Amino acid sequence: MDLVIFLPLLIVMGAFMFFASRRQRKAMQATIDLHNSLQIGDRVHTTSGLQGTITGITDDNVDLEIAPGVVTTWMKLAVRDRIEEDTDSDSDADGSTSAATELTESTGVTDTDGLKKD
């Protein structure tokens, strides 16, 4: 009788562990693919939230320009993701204009000071 209760519990636990490790393996492979595809000139985020442009790459390190003339060296493992550049800054993915653009067009206000564009 104890085996009837214990066996399904063991199967459920095994299935949970299998799917959890599978998800983790996919995430690890995506990170490895990202690190292998990095190129000079790419804009990236680091795990600490810093944004920079890659100026040099070695096997384990990347050089990031974080400000004009300021280059720092980071481990490749610290690169979290690549920043994708928007091709059209005035419209969203569905083609609609952003709220900020609509506000500027309707009021003529270009910044938070309330100055109007001439």
C-alpha atoms as a PDB file:
ATOM      1  CA  MET A   1       0.000   0.000   0.000  1.00  0.00           C
ATOM      2  CA  ASP A   2       2.850   2.385   0.750  1.00  0.00           C
ATOM      3  CA  LEU A   3       4.317   1.678  -2.694  1.00  0.00           C
ATOM      4  CA  VAL A   4       1.055   2.782  -4.380  1.00  0.00           C
ATOM      5  CA  ILE A   5       1.353   6.220  -2.743  1.00  0.00           C
ATOM      6  CA  PHE A   6       5.128   6.563  -2.977  1.00  0.00           C
ATOM      7  CA  LEU A   7       5.580   5.584  -6.655  1.00  0.00           C
ATOM      8  CA  PRO A   8       3.334   8.337  -8.196  1.00  0.00           C
ATOM      9  CA  LEU A   9       4.948  10.906  -5.906  1.00  0.00           C
ATOM     10  CA  LEU A  10       8.388   9.779  -7.077  1.00  0.00           C
ATOM     11  CA  ILE A  11       7.297   9.994 -10.739  1.00  0.00           C
ATOM     12  CA  VAL A  12       5.900  13.517 -10.297  1.00  0.00           C
ATOM     13  CA  MET A  13       9.105  14.670  -8.575  1.00  0.00           C
ATOM     14  CA  GLY A  14      11.222  13.132 -11.351  1.00  0.00           C
ATOM     15  CA  ALA A  15       9.174  14.845 -14.065  1.00  0.00           C
ATOM     16  CA  PHE A  16       9.442  18.201 -12.271  1.00  0.00           C
ATOM     17  CA  MET A  17      13.236  17.870 -12.007  1.00  0.00           C
ATOM     18  CA  PHE A  18      13.503  16.878 -15.687  1.00  0.00           C
ATOM     19  CA  PHE A  19      11.533  19.889 -16.941  1.00  0.00           C
ATOM     20  CA  ALA A  20      13.291  22.303 -14.575  1.00  0.00           C
ATOM     21  CA  SER A  21      16.729  21.175 -15.748  1.00  0.00           C
ATOM     22  CA  ARG A  22      15.592  21.349 -19.376  1.00  0.00           C
ATOM     23  CA  ARG A  23      14.533  24.999 -18.987  1.00  0.00           C
ATOM     24  CA  GLN A  24      17.816  25.830 -17.279  1.00  0.00           C
ATOM     25  CA  ARG A  25      19.772  24.116 -20.067  1.00  0.00           C
ATOM     26  CA  LYS A  26      17.922  26.177 -22.713  1.00  0.00           C
ATOM     27  CA  ALA A  27      18.694  29.430 -20.874  1.00  0.00           C
ATOM     28  CA  MET A  28      22.370  28.466 -20.549  1.00  0.00           C
ATOM     29  CA  GLN A  29      22.586  27.648 -24.264  1.00  0.00           C
ATOM     30  CA  ALA A  30      21.003  31.001 -25.166  1.00  0.00           C
ATOM     31  CA  THR A  31      23.621  32.788 -23.031  1.00  0.00           C
ATOM     32  CA  ILE A  32      26.460  30.837 -24.666  1.00  0.00           C
ATOM     33  CA  ASP A  33      25.080  31.652 -28.136  1.00  0.00           C
ATOM     34  CA  LEU A  34      24.915  35.356 -27.208  1.00  0.00           C
ATOM     35  CA  HIS A  35      28.513  35.406 -25.980  1.00  0.00           C
ATOM     36  CA  ASN A  36      29.718  33.635 -29.140  1.00  0.00           C
ATOM     37  CA  SER A  37      27.875  36.097 -31.410  1.00  0.00           C
ATOM     38  CA  LEU A  38      29.209  39.314 -29.842  1.00  0.00           C
ATOM     39  CA  GLN A  39      30.960  41.648 -32.265  1.00  0.00           C
ATOM     40  CA  ILE A  40      32.848  44.924 -32.026  1.00  0.00           C
ATOM     41  CA  GLY A  41      30.370  47.804 -32.181  1.00  0.00           C
ATOM     42  CA  ASP A  42      27.503  45.956 -30.440  1.00  0.00           C
ATOM     43  CA  ARG A  43      25.705  47.831 -27.642  1.00  0.00           C
ATOM     44  CA  VAL A  44      25.239  45.592 -24.582  1.00  0.00           C
ATOM     45  CA  HIS A  45      23.924  45.539 -21.009  1.00  0.00           C
ATOM     46  CA  THR A  46      26.022  43.982 -18.269  1.00  0.00           C
ATOM     47  CA  THR A  47      24.596  41.996 -15.366  1.00  0.00           C
ATOM     48  CA  SER A  48      25.151  45.039 -13.146  1.00  0.00           C
ATOM     49  CA  GLY A  49      23.068  47.259 -15.440  1.00  0.00           C
ATOM     50  CA  LEU A  50      25.855  49.136 -17.200  1.00  0.00           C
ATOM     51  CA  GLN A  51      25.412  49.937 -20.894  1.00  0.00           C
ATOM     52  CA  GLY A  52      28.346  50.140 -23.252  1.00  0.00           C
ATOM     53  CA  THR A  53      29.672  49.589 -26.754  1.00  0.00           C
ATOM     54  CA  ILE A  54      32.078  46.722 -27.403  1.00  0.00           C
ATOM     55  CA  THR A  55      35.458  48.002 -28.596  1.00  0.00           C
ATOM     56  CA  GLY A  56      37.472  44.800 -28.221  1.00  0.00           C
ATOM     57  CA  ILE A  57      36.906  41.082 -27.655  1.00  0.00           C
ATOM     58  CA  THR A  58      39.180  38.307 -26.403  1.00  0.00           C
ATOM     59  CA  ASP A  59      38.340  34.717 -25.461  1.00  0.00           C
ATOM     60  CA  ASP A  60      37.174  35.591 -21.935  1.00  0.00           C
ATOM     61  CA  ASN A  61      36.928  39.410 -21.852  1.00  0.00           C
ATOM     62  CA  VAL A  62      35.261  42.306 -23.647  1.00  0.00           C
ATOM     63  CA  ASP A  63      36.312  45.946 -23.654  1.00  0.00           C
ATOM     64  CA  LEU A  64      33.319  48.263 -23.233  1.00  0.00           C
ATOM     65  CA  GLU A  65      33.304  51.974 -24.009  1.00  0.00           C
ATOM     66  CA  ILE A  66      30.934  53.368 -21.381  1.00  0.00           C
ATOM     67  CA  ALA A  67      31.531  57.051 -22.202  1.00  0.00           C
ATOM     68  CA  PRO A  68      33.503  58.797 -24.935  1.00  0.00           C
ATOM     69  CA  GLY A  69      37.124  57.823 -24.344  1.00  0.00           C
ATOM     70  CA  VAL A  70      36.368  55.659 -21.269  1.00  0.00           C
ATOM     71  CA  VAL A  71      37.008  51.958 -21.934  1.00  0.00           C
ATOM     72  CA  THR A  72      36.666  49.278 -19.255  1.00  0.00           C
ATOM     73  CA  THR A  73      37.403  45.557 -19.406  1.00  0.00           C
ATOM     74  CA  TRP A  74      34.699  43.046 -18.380  1.00  0.00           C
ATOM     75  CA  MET A  75      34.400  39.291 -18.356  1.00  0.00           C
ATOM     76  CA  LYS A  76      32.200  37.977 -21.185  1.00  0.00           C
ATOM     77  CA  LEU A  77      30.061  36.312 -18.529  1.00  0.00           C
ATOM     78  CA  ALA A  78      29.066  39.774 -17.290  1.00  0.00           C
ATOM     79  CA  VAL A  79      27.315  40.569 -20.598  1.00  0.00           C
ATOM     80  CA  ARG A  80      23.590  39.994 -20.041  1.00  0.00           C
ATOM     81  CA  ASP A  81      22.088  40.964 -23.397  1.00  0.00           C
ATOM     82  CA  ARG A  82      22.523  42.921 -26.596  1.00  0.00           C
ATOM     83  CA  ILE A  83      20.704  46.261 -26.983  1.00  0.00           C
ATOM     84  CA  GLU A  84      18.685  46.190 -30.178  1.00  0.00           C
ATOM     85  CA  GLU A  85      18.510  49.559 -31.904  1.00  0.00           C
ATOM     86  CA  ASP A  86      15.027  50.808 -32.818  1.00  0.00           C
ATOM     87  CA  THR A  87      14.786  51.670 -36.502  1.00  0.00           C
ATOM     88  CA  ASP A  88      11.742  53.940 -36.081  1.00  0.00           C
ATOM     89  CA  SER A  89      11.738  55.845 -32.806  1.00  0.00           C
ATOM     90  CA  ASP A  90       8.375  57.596 -33.396  1.00  0.00           C
ATOM     91  CA  SER A  91       6.253  54.488 -33.801  1.00  0.00           C
ATOM     92  CA  ASP A  92       5.698  51.343 -31.761  1.00  0.00           C
ATOM     93  CA  ALA A  93       5.827  47.806 -33.156  1.00  0.00           C
ATOM     94  CA  ASP A  94       2.163  48.029 -34.197  1.00  0.00           C
ATOM     95  CA  GLY A  95       2.761  51.250 -36.147  1.00  0.00           C
ATOM     96  CA  SER A  96       1.033  53.607 -33.717  1.00  0.00           C
ATOM     97  CA  THR A  97       2.747  56.754 -32.550  1.00  0.00           C
ATOM     98  CA  SER A  98       3.915  57.038 -28.980  1.00  0.00           C
ATOM     99  CA  ALA A  99       2.069  59.139 -26.402  1.00  0.00           C
ATOM    100  CA  ALA A 100       5.056  61.503 -26.111  1.00  0.00           C
ATOM    101  CA  THR A 101       5.033  62.144 -29.855  1.00  0.00           C
ATOM    102  CA  GLU A 102       1.278  62.794 -29.864  1.00  0.00           C
ATOM    103  CA  LEU A 103       1.633  65.219 -26.939  1.00  0.00           C
ATOM    104  CA  THR A 104       4.437  67.118 -28.675  1.00  0.00           C
ATOM    105  CA  GLU A 105       2.483  67.363 -31.913  1.00  0.00           C
ATOM    106  CA  SER A 106      -0.738  68.514 -30.256  1.00  0.00           C
ATOM    107  CA  THR A 107       0.714  71.047 -27.809  1.00  0.00           C
ATOM    108  CA  GLY A 108       3.952  72.110 -29.471  1.00  0.00           C
ATOM    109  CA  VAL A 109       5.794  71.477 -26.182  1.00  0.00           C
ATOM    110  CA  THR A 110       9.170  69.886 -26.810  1.00  0.00           C
ATOM    111  CA  ASP A 111      10.507  69.375 -23.311  1.00  0.00           C
ATOM    112  CA  THR A 112       9.494  69.318 -19.658  1.00  0.00           C
ATOM    113  CA  ASP A 113      10.212  73.067 -19.193  1.00  0.00           C
ATOM    114  CA  GLY A 114       7.127  73.947 -21.228  1.00  0.00           C
ATOM    115  CA  LEU A 115       9.160  75.724 -23.939  1.00  0.00           C
ATOM    116  CA  LYS A 116       7.552  75.676 -27.338  1.00  0.00           C
ATOM    117  CA  LYS A 117       9.303  74.734 -30.515  1.00  0.00           C
ATOM    118  CA  ASP A 118       9.499  77.565 -33.090  1.00  0.00           C
END
